[in-house]
């Protein structure tokens, strides 16, 4: 499914870290992407619970690198540092795991990086032998009104490209021929 962006946020996210984060950073837009992954819930969540796999589903043009020593214990409050490139500009990005609810949900938020607000909810639902995965990102660009104007033109286009790449890569990684038959 192609990711969609909208200024409507749907049900308000809850939880102490989320509520404080979103109150302080005021998101402007929402991106939602749903996909059905050809693998059982336990396998899909295990893949996403390992931070090392994030690089495999991130477009190479972002120059993504995890800076935090591996392996990372995924839990509420865990901090993860990355480096990315936006064009020729290298950026540091730090996220915090705000909610950790295996195998159904986790949330990460940006504490430092290219957005004023980046709150990313990952949900996973078993659907027989497949898994429905939903990414929901509440975001706001930096630079006030200029950033808001760019959000519709540049930022949203770039985010859609990133999430389309992720979806295609996840399809390929979890295709029956791409997995061990066990």
C-alpha atoms as a PDB file:
ATOM      1  CA  UNK A   1       0.000   0.000   0.000  1.00  0.00           C
ATOM      2  CA  UNK A   2       1.283   3.467  -0.841  1.00  0.00           C
ATOM      3  CA  UNK A   3       1.853   5.570   2.274  1.00  0.00           C
ATOM      4  CA  UNK A   4      -0.594   8.423   2.768  1.00  0.00           C
ATOM      5  CA  UNK A   5      -0.051  11.693   4.565  1.00  0.00           C
ATOM      6  CA  UNK A   6      -2.721  13.798   6.170  1.00  0.00           C
ATOM      7  CA  UNK A   7      -3.064  16.614   8.706  1.00  0.00           C
ATOM      8  CA  UNK A   8      -5.699  14.553  10.599  1.00  0.00           C
ATOM      9  CA  UNK A   9      -4.225  12.369  13.341  1.00  0.00           C
ATOM     10  CA  UNK A  10      -7.032   9.955  14.202  1.00  0.00           C
ATOM     11  CA  UNK A  11      -7.182   8.771  17.822  1.00  0.00           C
ATOM     12  CA  UNK A  12      -4.758  10.649  20.036  1.00  0.00           C
ATOM     13  CA  UNK A  13      -1.759   8.565  21.079  1.00  0.00           C
ATOM     14  CA  UNK A  14      -1.467   7.907  24.809  1.00  0.00           C
ATOM     15  CA  UNK A  15       1.176   6.923  27.321  1.00  0.00           C
ATOM     16  CA  UNK A  16       3.278   9.144  29.574  1.00  0.00           C
ATOM     17  CA  UNK A  17       6.313   9.449  27.270  1.00  0.00           C
ATOM     18  CA  UNK A  18       4.122   9.925  24.186  1.00  0.00           C
ATOM     19  CA  UNK A  19       1.827  12.513  25.764  1.00  0.00           C
ATOM     20  CA  UNK A  20       4.737  14.630  27.023  1.00  0.00           C
ATOM     21  CA  UNK A  21       6.626  14.292  23.741  1.00  0.00           C
ATOM     22  CA  UNK A  22       3.718  15.282  21.488  1.00  0.00           C
ATOM     23  CA  UNK A  23       2.631  18.122  23.772  1.00  0.00           C
ATOM     24  CA  UNK A  24       6.149  19.610  23.636  1.00  0.00           C
ATOM     25  CA  UNK A  25       6.717  19.082  19.894  1.00  0.00           C
ATOM     26  CA  UNK A  26       3.272  19.555  18.277  1.00  0.00           C
ATOM     27  CA  UNK A  27       3.082  17.333  15.161  1.00  0.00           C
ATOM     28  CA  UNK A  28       1.618  18.839  11.999  1.00  0.00           C
ATOM     29  CA  UNK A  29       1.144  15.849   9.713  1.00  0.00           C
ATOM     30  CA  UNK A  30       0.581  12.110   9.808  1.00  0.00           C
ATOM     31  CA  UNK A  31       1.868   9.383   7.496  1.00  0.00           C
ATOM     32  CA  UNK A  32       0.209   5.956   7.572  1.00  0.00           C
ATOM     33  CA  UNK A  33       1.276   2.839   5.722  1.00  0.00           C
ATOM     34  CA  UNK A  34      -0.294  -0.607   6.052  1.00  0.00           C
ATOM     35  CA  UNK A  35       1.038  -3.827   4.614  1.00  0.00           C
ATOM     36  CA  UNK A  36       0.319  -7.513   4.868  1.00  0.00           C
ATOM     37  CA  UNK A  37       3.586  -9.372   5.362  1.00  0.00           C
ATOM     38  CA  UNK A  38       3.816 -12.980   4.167  1.00  0.00           C
ATOM     39  CA  UNK A  39       5.072 -14.308   7.513  1.00  0.00           C
ATOM     40  CA  UNK A  40       3.652 -15.092  10.953  1.00  0.00           C
ATOM     41  CA  UNK A  41       3.501 -12.418  13.661  1.00  0.00           C
ATOM     42  CA  UNK A  42       6.317 -13.919  15.751  1.00  0.00           C
ATOM     43  CA  UNK A  43       8.726 -13.856  12.801  1.00  0.00           C
ATOM     44  CA  UNK A  44       7.828 -10.335  11.698  1.00  0.00           C
ATOM     45  CA  UNK A  45       8.039  -8.841  15.195  1.00  0.00           C
ATOM     46  CA  UNK A  46      11.346 -10.599  15.882  1.00  0.00           C
ATOM     47  CA  UNK A  47      12.769  -8.993  12.734  1.00  0.00           C
ATOM     48  CA  UNK A  48      11.650  -5.500  13.795  1.00  0.00           C
ATOM     49  CA  UNK A  49      12.776  -6.031  17.400  1.00  0.00           C
ATOM     50  CA  UNK A  50      16.388  -6.313  16.226  1.00  0.00           C
ATOM     51  CA  UNK A  51      17.727  -2.796  15.582  1.00  0.00           C
ATOM     52  CA  UNK A  52      20.377  -4.209  13.215  1.00  0.00           C
ATOM     53  CA  UNK A  53      17.612  -4.913  10.684  1.00  0.00           C
ATOM     54  CA  UNK A  54      16.653  -1.243  10.391  1.00  0.00           C
ATOM     55  CA  UNK A  55      19.542  -0.658   8.009  1.00  0.00           C
ATOM     56  CA  UNK A  56      18.286  -3.437   5.723  1.00  0.00           C
ATOM     57  CA  UNK A  57      14.954  -1.666   5.180  1.00  0.00           C
ATOM     58  CA  UNK A  58      16.335   1.883   4.906  1.00  0.00           C
ATOM     59  CA  UNK A  59      17.102   3.243   1.426  1.00  0.00           C
ATOM     60  CA  UNK A  60      20.842   3.298   0.681  1.00  0.00           C
ATOM     61  CA  UNK A  61      20.659   6.940  -0.416  1.00  0.00           C
ATOM     62  CA  UNK A  62      20.089   7.905   3.246  1.00  0.00           C
ATOM     63  CA  UNK A  63      23.524   6.566   4.235  1.00  0.00           C
ATOM     64  CA  UNK A  64      21.993   5.093   7.413  1.00  0.00           C
ATOM     65  CA  UNK A  65      24.368   3.883  10.146  1.00  0.00           C
ATOM     66  CA  UNK A  66      23.591   2.834  13.725  1.00  0.00           C
ATOM     67  CA  UNK A  67      26.041   4.492  16.121  1.00  0.00           C
ATOM     68  CA  UNK A  68      24.878   2.790  19.350  1.00  0.00           C
ATOM     69  CA  UNK A  69      26.908  -0.344  20.150  1.00  0.00           C
ATOM     70  CA  UNK A  70      25.103  -3.542  19.105  1.00  0.00           C
ATOM     71  CA  UNK A  71      23.198  -5.537  20.169  1.00  0.00           C
ATOM     72  CA  UNK A  72      20.669  -3.063  21.561  1.00  0.00           C
ATOM     73  CA  UNK A  73      18.287  -4.248  24.264  1.00  0.00           C
ATOM     74  CA  UNK A  74      14.901  -3.124  23.000  1.00  0.00           C
ATOM     75  CA  UNK A  75      12.785  -1.865  25.898  1.00  0.00           C
ATOM     76  CA  UNK A  76      10.884   1.230  26.924  1.00  0.00           C
ATOM     77  CA  UNK A  77      13.386   4.044  27.415  1.00  0.00           C
ATOM     78  CA  UNK A  78      16.116   2.532  25.186  1.00  0.00           C
ATOM     79  CA  UNK A  79      18.099   5.165  23.266  1.00  0.00           C
ATOM     80  CA  UNK A  80      19.434   4.543  19.767  1.00  0.00           C
ATOM     81  CA  UNK A  81      21.817   6.858  17.910  1.00  0.00           C
ATOM     82  CA  UNK A  82      22.092   6.880  14.101  1.00  0.00           C
ATOM     83  CA  UNK A  83      23.768   8.832  11.337  1.00  0.00           C
ATOM     84  CA  UNK A  84      21.908   9.609   8.121  1.00  0.00           C
ATOM     85  CA  UNK A  85      22.529  11.808   5.101  1.00  0.00           C
ATOM     86  CA  UNK A  86      20.004  14.172   3.603  1.00  0.00           C
ATOM     87  CA  UNK A  87      21.662  14.829   0.276  1.00  0.00           C
ATOM     88  CA  UNK A  88      25.233  15.853   1.054  1.00  0.00           C
ATOM     89  CA  UNK A  89      24.422  16.792   4.682  1.00  0.00           C
ATOM     90  CA  UNK A  90      25.272  14.261   7.427  1.00  0.00           C
ATOM     91  CA  UNK A  91      22.894  14.354  10.408  1.00  0.00           C
ATOM     92  CA  UNK A  92      22.807  12.775  13.837  1.00  0.00           C
ATOM     93  CA  UNK A  93      19.530  11.187  14.865  1.00  0.00           C
ATOM     94  CA  UNK A  94      18.640   9.907  18.332  1.00  0.00           C
ATOM     95  CA  UNK A  95      15.457   7.992  19.053  1.00  0.00           C
ATOM     96  CA  UNK A  96      13.941   6.725  22.256  1.00  0.00           C
ATOM     97  CA  UNK A  97      11.665   3.704  22.545  1.00  0.00           C
ATOM     98  CA  UNK A  98       8.581   5.225  24.174  1.00  0.00           C
ATOM     99  CA  UNK A  99       6.505   2.065  24.275  1.00  0.00           C
ATOM    100  CA  UNK A 100       7.538  -1.586  23.982  1.00  0.00           C
ATOM    101  CA  UNK A 101       4.671  -4.112  23.804  1.00  0.00           C
ATOM    102  CA  UNK A 102       5.918  -7.311  22.113  1.00  0.00           C
ATOM    103  CA  UNK A 103       4.726  -8.739  19.785  1.00  0.00           C
ATOM    104  CA  UNK A 104       2.038  -6.198  18.925  1.00  0.00           C
ATOM    105  CA  UNK A 105       3.379  -2.660  19.166  1.00  0.00           C
ATOM    106  CA  UNK A 106       6.272  -0.349  19.782  1.00  0.00           C
ATOM    107  CA  UNK A 107       6.809   3.387  19.468  1.00  0.00           C
ATOM    108  CA  UNK A 108       9.956   5.377  18.850  1.00  0.00           C
ATOM    109  CA  UNK A 109      10.317   9.147  18.971  1.00  0.00           C
ATOM    110  CA  UNK A 110      13.103  11.391  17.759  1.00  0.00           C
ATOM    111  CA  UNK A 111      14.936  13.246  20.516  1.00  0.00           C
ATOM    112  CA  UNK A 112      17.497  14.761  18.115  1.00  0.00           C
ATOM    113  CA  UNK A 113      17.425  14.813  14.345  1.00  0.00           C
ATOM    114  CA  UNK A 114      16.060  16.424  11.197  1.00  0.00           C
ATOM    115  CA  UNK A 115      12.468  16.876  12.442  1.00  0.00           C
ATOM    116  CA  UNK A 116      10.935  19.060  15.124  1.00  0.00           C
ATOM    117  CA  UNK A 117       8.611  16.127  15.829  1.00  0.00           C
ATOM    118  CA  UNK A 118       8.937  12.457  14.795  1.00  0.00           C
ATOM    119  CA  UNK A 119       6.715   9.954  16.607  1.00  0.00           C
ATOM    120  CA  UNK A 120       6.589   6.511  14.933  1.00  0.00           C
ATOM    121  CA  UNK A 121       4.159   3.808  16.016  1.00  0.00           C
ATOM    122  CA  UNK A 122       4.637   0.276  14.674  1.00  0.00           C
ATOM    123  CA  UNK A 123       1.720  -2.146  15.129  1.00  0.00           C
ATOM    124  CA  UNK A 124       1.553  -5.820  14.212  1.00  0.00           C
ATOM    125  CA  UNK A 125      -1.551  -7.999  13.992  1.00  0.00           C
ATOM    126  CA  UNK A 126      -1.682 -11.719  13.265  1.00  0.00           C
ATOM    127  CA  UNK A 127      -3.843 -12.553  10.238  1.00  0.00           C
ATOM    128  CA  UNK A 128      -3.587 -16.324   9.964  1.00  0.00           C
ATOM    129  CA  UNK A 129      -0.159 -17.120   8.485  1.00  0.00           C
ATOM    130  CA  UNK A 130       0.440 -13.462   7.621  1.00  0.00           C
ATOM    131  CA  UNK A 131       0.891 -10.266   9.631  1.00  0.00           C
ATOM    132  CA  UNK A 132      -0.787  -6.907   9.141  1.00  0.00           C
ATOM    133  CA  UNK A 133       1.799  -4.249   9.865  1.00  0.00           C
ATOM    134  CA  UNK A 134       0.918  -0.570  10.235  1.00  0.00           C
ATOM    135  CA  UNK A 135       3.349   2.316  10.469  1.00  0.00           C
ATOM    136  CA  UNK A 136       1.941   5.575  11.788  1.00  0.00           C
ATOM    137  CA  UNK A 137       4.235   8.599  11.902  1.00  0.00           C
ATOM    138  CA  UNK A 138       3.253  11.943  13.396  1.00  0.00           C
ATOM    139  CA  UNK A 139       5.779  14.527  12.287  1.00  0.00           C
ATOM    140  CA  UNK A 140       6.632  18.186  11.921  1.00  0.00           C
ATOM    141  CA  UNK A 141       9.574  19.664  10.066  1.00  0.00           C
ATOM    142  CA  UNK A 142      11.990  22.173  11.556  1.00  0.00           C
ATOM    143  CA  UNK A 143      12.142  25.856  10.549  1.00  0.00           C
ATOM    144  CA  UNK A 144       8.635  26.991  11.540  1.00  0.00           C
ATOM    145  CA  UNK A 145       6.492  28.276   8.660  1.00  0.00           C
ATOM    146  CA  UNK A 146       9.213  27.662   6.081  1.00  0.00           C
ATOM    147  CA  UNK A 147       9.455  24.062   7.275  1.00  0.00           C
ATOM    148  CA  UNK A 148       5.670  23.740   7.128  1.00  0.00           C
ATOM    149  CA  UNK A 149       5.668  24.912   3.500  1.00  0.00           C
ATOM    150  CA  UNK A 150       8.453  22.436   2.675  1.00  0.00           C
ATOM    151  CA  UNK A 151       6.571  19.621   4.428  1.00  0.00           C
ATOM    152  CA  UNK A 152       4.010  19.448   1.652  1.00  0.00           C
ATOM    153  CA  UNK A 153       6.536  19.751  -1.132  1.00  0.00           C
ATOM    154  CA  UNK A 154       9.742  18.040  -0.116  1.00  0.00           C
ATOM    155  CA  UNK A 155       9.459  16.270   3.242  1.00  0.00           C
ATOM    156  CA  UNK A 156       6.272  14.339   2.491  1.00  0.00           C
ATOM    157  CA  UNK A 157       7.589  13.264  -0.917  1.00  0.00           C
ATOM    158  CA  UNK A 158      10.811  12.044   0.680  1.00  0.00           C
ATOM    159  CA  UNK A 159       8.947  10.193   3.455  1.00  0.00           C
ATOM    160  CA  UNK A 160       6.700   8.458   0.923  1.00  0.00           C
ATOM    161  CA  UNK A 161       9.805   7.349  -1.021  1.00  0.00           C
ATOM    162  CA  UNK A 162      11.402   6.007   2.168  1.00  0.00           C
ATOM    163  CA  UNK A 163       8.296   4.075   3.205  1.00  0.00           C
ATOM    164  CA  UNK A 164       7.718   2.758  -0.329  1.00  0.00           C
ATOM    165  CA  UNK A 165      11.300   1.457  -0.297  1.00  0.00           C
ATOM    166  CA  UNK A 166      10.694  -0.139   3.108  1.00  0.00           C
ATOM    167  CA  UNK A 167       7.508  -1.834   1.897  1.00  0.00           C
ATOM    168  CA  UNK A 168       9.186  -3.242  -1.227  1.00  0.00           C
ATOM    169  CA  UNK A 169      12.169  -4.460   0.805  1.00  0.00           C
ATOM    170  CA  UNK A 170       9.957  -6.090   3.449  1.00  0.00           C
ATOM    171  CA  UNK A 171       7.966  -7.817   0.677  1.00  0.00           C
ATOM    172  CA  UNK A 172      11.203  -9.156  -0.783  1.00  0.00           C
ATOM    173  CA  UNK A 173      12.685 -10.222   2.584  1.00  0.00           C
ATOM    174  CA  UNK A 174       9.538 -12.037   3.678  1.00  0.00           C
ATOM    175  CA  UNK A 175       8.582 -13.528   0.317  1.00  0.00           C
ATOM    176  CA  UNK A 176       8.293 -17.321   0.724  1.00  0.00           C
ATOM    177  CA  UNK A 177      11.349 -17.845  -1.514  1.00  0.00           C
ATOM    178  CA  UNK A 178      13.373 -15.294   0.504  1.00  0.00           C
ATOM    179  CA  UNK A 179      12.947 -17.069   3.846  1.00  0.00           C
ATOM    180  CA  UNK A 180      14.196 -20.350   5.213  1.00  0.00           C
ATOM    181  CA  UNK A 181      11.576 -23.048   4.867  1.00  0.00           C
ATOM    182  CA  UNK A 182      11.372 -24.239   8.443  1.00  0.00           C
END
